[in-house]
Protein backbone atom coordinates (compact mmCIF):
# COMPACT_ATOMS: atom_id res chain seq x y z
CA MET A 1 36.41 11.68 8.88
CA LYS A 2 33.73 13.42 6.86
CA PRO A 3 30.59 11.44 5.96
CA PRO A 4 30.35 11.25 2.27
CA SER A 5 27.72 13.78 0.84
CA THR A 6 24.43 12.83 -0.98
CA PRO A 7 24.74 11.75 -4.62
CA ASP A 8 22.97 13.31 -7.50
CA LEU A 9 22.47 16.73 -5.80
CA LEU A 10 21.65 19.76 -8.03
CA PRO A 11 23.62 23.23 -7.59
CA GLY A 12 21.50 25.12 -4.53
CA GLU A 13 20.42 21.88 -3.05
CA ARG A 14 21.86 20.79 0.23
CA GLU A 15 22.22 17.51 2.22
CA GLY A 16 19.76 18.14 4.65
CA GLN A 17 17.05 18.71 2.59
CA THR A 18 13.93 16.45 2.27
CA SER A 19 13.84 13.33 0.17
CA ASP A 20 11.16 15.32 -2.07
CA ALA A 21 13.66 18.20 -2.62
CA ARG A 22 16.48 15.81 -3.30
CA ARG A 23 14.48 13.60 -5.89
CA TYR A 24 12.39 16.43 -7.57
CA GLY A 25 14.84 19.30 -7.07
CA ILE A 26 14.35 22.72 -5.64
CA HIS A 27 14.83 26.18 -6.66
CA ALA A 28 16.92 28.28 -4.48
CA ASP A 29 14.64 31.24 -4.29
CA GLY A 30 11.77 32.87 -6.02
CA TRP A 31 7.95 31.97 -6.09
CA ARG A 32 8.92 28.43 -7.23
CA ARG A 33 10.78 28.03 -3.88
CA HIS A 34 8.14 29.34 -1.52
CA LEU A 35 5.37 27.09 -3.85
CA PHE A 36 7.31 24.11 -3.46
CA VAL A 37 7.34 24.62 0.60
CA VAL A 38 4.04 24.99 0.48
CA ILE A 39 3.04 21.88 -1.44
CA PHE A 40 5.61 19.59 -0.90
CA GLU A 41 6.38 20.08 3.10
CA SER A 42 4.43 19.77 5.61
CA ASP A 43 6.69 21.24 8.60
CA THR A 44 5.51 24.82 7.68
CA ARG A 45 1.82 26.12 9.15
CA ALA A 46 0.97 26.90 5.24
CA GLY A 47 2.29 23.26 4.22
CA ARG A 48 0.24 21.52 6.63
CA LEU A 49 -3.04 23.57 5.98
CA PHE A 50 -2.57 23.12 2.16
CA ASP A 51 -2.25 19.06 2.60
CA ILE A 52 -5.19 19.09 4.90
CA VAL A 53 -7.44 21.21 2.47
CA LEU A 54 -5.93 18.79 -0.15
CA MET A 55 -7.54 15.54 1.64
CA TRP A 56 -10.62 16.89 2.36
CA ALA A 57 -11.07 17.86 -1.02
CA ILE A 58 -10.18 14.24 -2.50
CA VAL A 59 -12.59 12.93 0.13
CA ILE A 60 -15.46 15.00 -0.64
CA SER A 61 -14.63 14.58 -4.53
CA VAL A 62 -14.73 10.88 -4.01
CA LEU A 63 -17.91 10.98 -2.11
CA VAL A 64 -19.44 12.84 -4.80
CA VAL A 65 -18.76 10.50 -7.59
CA MET A 66 -20.01 7.40 -5.27
CA LEU A 67 -23.68 9.80 -4.64
CA ASP A 68 -23.76 10.38 -8.08
CA SER A 69 -24.12 6.82 -8.94
CA VAL A 70 -26.98 6.02 -6.86
CA ALA A 71 -29.96 6.63 -9.40
CA GLY A 72 -32.27 8.63 -6.47
CA ILE A 73 -29.84 11.21 -5.48
CA SER A 74 -28.39 11.32 -9.03
CA ALA A 75 -31.97 12.22 -10.15
CA ARG A 76 -32.51 15.23 -7.49
CA PHE A 77 -28.94 16.51 -7.47
CA GLY A 78 -27.50 15.72 -10.69
CA THR A 79 -26.64 19.34 -11.67
CA LEU A 80 -25.07 19.95 -8.43
CA PHE A 81 -22.77 17.05 -8.46
CA ASP A 82 -21.70 17.97 -12.20
CA VAL A 83 -20.83 21.59 -10.87
CA LEU A 84 -18.85 20.08 -7.99
CA GLU A 85 -17.10 17.28 -9.95
CA TRP A 86 -15.76 19.91 -12.55
CA GLY A 87 -14.69 22.25 -9.56
CA PHE A 88 -12.72 19.60 -8.17
CA THR A 89 -11.33 18.50 -11.51
CA LEU A 90 -9.93 22.24 -12.26
CA LEU A 91 -8.78 22.25 -8.93
CA PHE A 92 -7.04 19.19 -8.94
CA THR A 93 -5.55 20.10 -12.16
CA VAL A 94 -4.18 23.47 -10.99
CA GLU A 95 -2.54 21.63 -8.14
CA TYR A 96 -1.09 19.30 -10.75
CA VAL A 97 0.16 22.24 -13.05
CA ALA A 98 1.66 23.78 -9.79
CA ARG A 99 3.66 20.79 -8.59
CA LEU A 100 5.26 20.37 -12.09
CA ALA A 101 6.30 23.98 -12.11
CA CYS A 102 7.83 24.15 -8.80
CA VAL A 103 10.42 21.44 -9.46
CA LYS A 104 13.49 21.72 -11.27
CA ARG A 105 12.94 17.97 -12.47
CA PRO A 106 9.21 17.89 -13.40
CA ASP A 107 9.49 15.00 -15.63
CA ARG A 108 10.86 13.05 -12.93
CA TYR A 109 7.93 13.82 -10.65
CA ALA A 110 5.62 13.29 -13.71
CA ARG A 111 7.08 9.63 -13.92
CA SER A 112 6.86 8.99 -10.22
CA PHE A 113 3.95 7.10 -8.43
CA PHE A 114 2.28 10.13 -7.23
CA GLY A 115 2.63 12.04 -10.19
CA ILE A 116 1.21 9.36 -12.54
CA VAL A 117 -1.53 8.98 -9.68
CA ASP A 118 -2.23 12.83 -9.84
CA LEU A 119 -2.64 12.76 -13.48
CA MET A 120 -4.89 9.91 -13.43
CA SER A 121 -7.19 11.79 -10.71
CA VAL A 122 -8.05 14.63 -13.54
CA LEU A 123 -7.89 12.73 -16.29
CA PRO A 124 -11.09 10.78 -15.98
CA THR A 125 -13.18 13.73 -16.02
CA TYR A 126 -11.69 15.28 -19.14
CA LEU A 127 -11.85 11.84 -21.20
CA ALA A 128 -15.61 11.25 -19.86
CA LEU A 129 -16.71 13.86 -22.22
CA PHE A 130 -15.64 11.35 -24.99
CA ILE A 131 -16.21 7.99 -23.06
CA PRO A 132 -18.59 8.22 -20.39
CA GLY A 133 -18.18 4.68 -18.69
CA LEU A 134 -14.39 6.38 -17.55
CA HIS A 135 -15.99 8.72 -15.18
CA SER A 136 -15.85 6.00 -12.58
CA LEU A 137 -12.56 5.72 -12.82
CA ILE A 138 -12.34 8.96 -10.41
CA ASP A 139 -12.33 7.03 -7.56
CA ILE A 140 -8.55 6.59 -8.20
CA ARG A 141 -8.51 9.53 -6.27
CA LEU A 142 -8.45 7.65 -2.89
CA LEU A 143 -4.84 6.86 -3.65
CA ARG A 144 -3.76 10.04 -2.96
CA LEU A 145 -4.52 9.87 0.31
CA LEU A 146 -1.72 7.75 0.91
CA ARG A 147 0.04 11.34 1.34
CA VAL A 148 -1.55 10.96 4.79
CA PHE A 149 1.52 9.41 6.20
CA ARG A 150 3.49 12.47 5.47
CA ILE A 151 0.93 14.99 7.01
CA LEU A 152 0.40 12.92 10.12
CA LYS A 153 3.98 12.43 10.54
CA LEU A 154 3.44 8.65 10.28
CA THR A 155 6.97 8.11 8.14
CA GLU A 156 8.22 6.53 11.28
CA TYR A 157 6.20 3.30 10.32
CA ILE A 158 7.38 2.81 6.93
CA HIS A 159 10.16 0.32 8.57
CA GLU A 160 7.59 -1.67 10.14
CA TYR A 161 5.71 -1.77 6.73
CA ARG A 162 8.83 -2.92 5.22
CA LYS A 163 9.38 -5.50 7.87
CA LEU A 164 5.93 -6.78 7.14
CA GLY A 165 6.81 -6.89 3.30
CA SER A 166 9.91 -8.55 4.18
CA ALA A 167 8.14 -11.53 5.92
CA LEU A 168 5.45 -11.98 3.23
CA GLN A 169 8.40 -12.30 1.04
CA ALA A 170 10.53 -14.76 2.56
CA SER A 171 7.40 -16.65 3.37
CA ARG A 172 5.80 -16.84 -0.23
CA ARG A 173 6.77 -19.95 -0.93
CA LYS A 174 5.33 -21.71 2.37
CA ILE A 175 2.31 -19.96 1.50
CA LEU A 176 1.93 -20.66 -2.21
CA VAL A 177 2.57 -24.56 -0.66
CA PHE A 178 -0.56 -23.82 1.67
CA ILE A 179 -2.61 -22.32 -0.92
CA GLY A 180 -1.82 -25.16 -3.10
CA THR A 181 -2.71 -27.69 -0.23
CA VAL A 182 -6.08 -26.08 0.28
CA LEU A 183 -6.98 -26.04 -3.30
CA MET A 184 -6.49 -29.79 -3.61
CA ALA A 185 -8.50 -30.34 -0.49
CA VAL A 186 -11.36 -28.15 -1.83
CA VAL A 187 -11.32 -30.00 -5.05
CA LEU A 188 -11.17 -33.60 -3.45
CA ILE A 189 -14.27 -32.27 -1.39
CA GLY A 190 -15.88 -30.67 -4.28
CA THR A 191 -15.85 -33.94 -6.03
CA VAL A 192 -16.76 -36.00 -3.16
CA MET A 193 -19.94 -33.71 -2.46
CA TYR A 194 -20.79 -33.80 -6.42
CA LEU A 195 -20.89 -37.82 -6.22
CA VAL A 196 -22.61 -37.70 -3.13
CA GLU A 197 -25.32 -34.82 -3.68
CA GLY A 198 -25.61 -34.93 -7.20
CA PRO A 199 -27.49 -32.77 -9.45
CA GLU A 200 -30.58 -32.95 -8.06
CA ASN A 201 -29.48 -31.40 -4.77
CA GLY A 202 -28.11 -28.17 -6.71
CA PHE A 203 -24.40 -29.77 -7.22
CA THR A 204 -24.90 -29.82 -11.00
CA SER A 205 -21.13 -29.93 -12.22
CA ILE A 206 -17.85 -30.70 -10.03
CA PRO A 207 -16.93 -26.99 -10.62
CA ILE A 208 -19.88 -25.81 -8.75
CA ALA A 209 -19.18 -28.48 -6.16
CA VAL A 210 -15.68 -27.16 -5.82
CA TYR A 211 -17.32 -23.40 -5.72
CA TRP A 212 -19.38 -24.59 -2.70
CA ALA A 213 -16.35 -26.20 -1.01
CA ILE A 214 -14.47 -22.95 -1.44
CA THR A 215 -17.21 -20.96 0.27
CA THR A 216 -17.61 -23.67 2.96
CA VAL A 217 -13.94 -24.12 3.91
CA THR A 218 -13.27 -20.17 4.08
CA THR A 219 -16.36 -20.02 6.19
CA VAL A 220 -18.27 -17.75 3.92
CA GLY A 221 -20.98 -19.89 3.30
CA PHE A 222 -23.41 -17.93 0.90
CA GLY A 223 -26.36 -20.43 1.01
CA ASP A 224 -27.20 -20.82 -2.27
CA ILE A 225 -26.08 -24.53 -2.61
CA THR A 226 -26.78 -26.82 0.63
CA PRO A 227 -26.24 -30.43 1.15
CA LYS A 228 -29.32 -32.37 1.52
CA THR A 229 -28.37 -35.96 2.80
CA GLU A 230 -26.96 -36.86 5.85
CA LEU A 231 -23.41 -37.65 4.32
CA GLY A 232 -23.09 -34.58 2.74
CA ARG A 233 -24.06 -32.63 5.86
CA THR A 234 -21.56 -34.86 7.46
CA ILE A 235 -18.83 -33.60 5.11
CA ALA A 236 -19.94 -29.96 5.20
CA SER A 237 -19.28 -29.89 8.90
CA PHE A 238 -15.94 -31.18 8.65
CA SER A 239 -15.40 -28.58 5.84
CA MET A 240 -16.51 -25.78 8.27
CA LEU A 241 -14.13 -27.31 11.02
CA LEU A 242 -11.21 -27.76 8.47
CA GLY A 243 -11.91 -24.11 7.51
CA TRP A 244 -11.64 -22.86 11.21
CA GLY A 245 -8.41 -24.81 11.66
CA ILE A 246 -6.62 -23.54 8.38
CA LEU A 247 -7.23 -19.93 8.67
CA ALA A 248 -4.65 -19.41 11.51
CA VAL A 249 -2.08 -21.48 9.37
CA PRO A 250 -0.77 -18.44 6.91
CA THR A 251 -0.92 -15.87 9.95
CA GLY A 252 1.35 -18.33 11.72
CA ILE A 253 3.95 -18.61 8.88
CA VAL A 254 3.98 -14.69 8.40
CA THR A 255 4.38 -14.43 12.45
CA ALA A 256 7.12 -17.07 12.64
CA GLU A 257 9.04 -15.27 9.90
CA MET A 258 8.93 -11.89 11.59
CA THR A 259 9.95 -13.10 14.84
CA SER A 260 12.95 -14.59 13.12
CA GLN A 261 13.49 -11.72 11.65
CA ARG A 262 13.59 -9.88 14.77
CA LEU A 263 15.75 -12.17 16.46
CA ARG A 264 18.52 -11.68 13.94
CA GLU A 265 18.40 -8.27 14.03
CA GLN A 266 18.95 -8.33 17.54
CA ASP A 267 21.89 -10.55 17.36
CA ARG A 268 23.49 -8.49 14.73
CA VAL A 269 24.95 -5.43 16.86
CA ARG A 270 27.30 -2.84 15.22
CA ARG A 271 29.65 -1.58 18.01
CA CYS A 272 31.93 1.40 17.81
CA PRO A 273 35.50 0.45 17.76
CA ALA A 274 36.13 3.98 19.55
CA CYS A 275 33.76 4.35 22.11
CA GLY A 276 31.90 0.91 22.13
CA SER A 277 28.18 2.43 21.35
CA ALA A 278 25.92 -0.07 19.72
CA ASP A 279 23.27 1.95 18.42
CA HIS A 280 23.91 2.14 14.59
CA THR A 281 21.42 1.19 11.85
CA ASP A 282 22.90 -1.24 9.15
CA ARG A 283 23.78 1.50 7.10
CA ALA A 284 25.57 3.86 9.09
CA ARG A 285 28.87 4.65 8.28
CA HIS A 286 30.24 6.55 11.46
CA CYS A 287 29.24 6.49 15.06
CA GLN A 288 26.62 8.91 16.05
CA ALA A 289 28.16 9.18 19.43
CA CYS A 290 32.06 9.96 18.57
CA GLY A 291 31.95 10.16 14.76
CA ALA A 292 34.66 7.44 14.35
CA ALA A 293 34.29 5.12 11.14
CA LEU A 294 32.62 1.97 11.51
CA SER A 295 33.16 -1.69 9.86
CA PRO A 296 30.83 -2.55 7.36
CA SER A 297 27.69 -4.57 8.36
CA GLU A 298 27.03 -8.13 7.53
CA GLY A 299 24.69 -6.98 4.48
CA GLN A 300 27.88 -5.34 3.33
CA GLY A 301 29.99 -8.43 3.12
CA VAL A 302 31.67 -8.29 6.77
CA SER A 303 30.21 -9.61 9.88
CA ALA A 304 29.27 -7.70 12.40
CA THR A 305 30.41 -7.50 16.01
CA PRO A 306 28.57 -9.68 18.29
CA ARG A 307 27.14 -8.42 21.12
C-alpha cells in the first residue's frame, strides 16, 4: 500500500523536498532555483558558506549598534559605525529581496516568522532617518540567529524542545498556583516588615516592604532597604531560608511532568501486525520495516498495541 503524498504541493515540487521548499515553493530550474538552494538550503557547500557568512554579518552588525551606543567609542568611531551600519543594512535588504525573488510563494514567506524578522531587521535603519529613536531596534537582528539550528544540524533537538514546551503547558496550573502562593507570602511578609520596621528604617509603605520581601525571597537582595531591628532581621532570615526552599519547586513540577510524559511514551508502543517491529512514531501510517499498514495510534482515537 502506497503512503499518501504530501499535501499542498505545487507543480514541479516533490515529496522528498525540504520543509522550506514545500512551504514557499521552489522553481523547477533556472537561476531562481539555484538561488533558492544557496539561500534556503544548508546541505550544499555554497548554502552552508552563505549561512555562515550571514551569521557573522548579523553578529558584527549587532556589535556595531551596541558599541555605537557607548558615548566615548561613538565619538571616536561614529563615522565608521555609520558606514558599517548602512553597509549591513543594504546587504540584508538585498538578501531579503533575494529570498522573496527565489520562492514561488513570496507572500507566504513575507508573512512567516523569519520573513517578518528579516523585514524588521532592516526597517529601523531606514525609519531612523525620520525617527532617530528607532535605531536601537536594529538589535532585533539577533532573532535571525535562530537559523543556526538549521546550519549546525540541531533540528534533531526540536523534539526535545517540544517536550519541554509540552511539560510547561501541562504544568501551567500548578505553576500558577505556586506563583500565587509565593505572591501571598511576600505580601504577608512585607506587611509584617512594614509594621515591625516602619518608615524610619526605610519601609515607608507596604508596597516598598513587599518589594523588599520579593528581593529577599528570590535571594536577589539589592541591599537598598535593610531591617534594623532584631525582630526584623529574624523575619529577614526566615525569608531568605524560605527563598532557598521554594527555588526548587517549579523545577520539580516541570521535571515530574516530563518524567510522566516519558513514561507514557514508553508504555505506548505501536507494533506492526505483519512483522512485529515496534520502532514507529505516533504519526507513522506504514511499517518502516515491511511497509504494512499500521493501526492508528492513541492520539488518532484507537488504543495502541501494548508492549
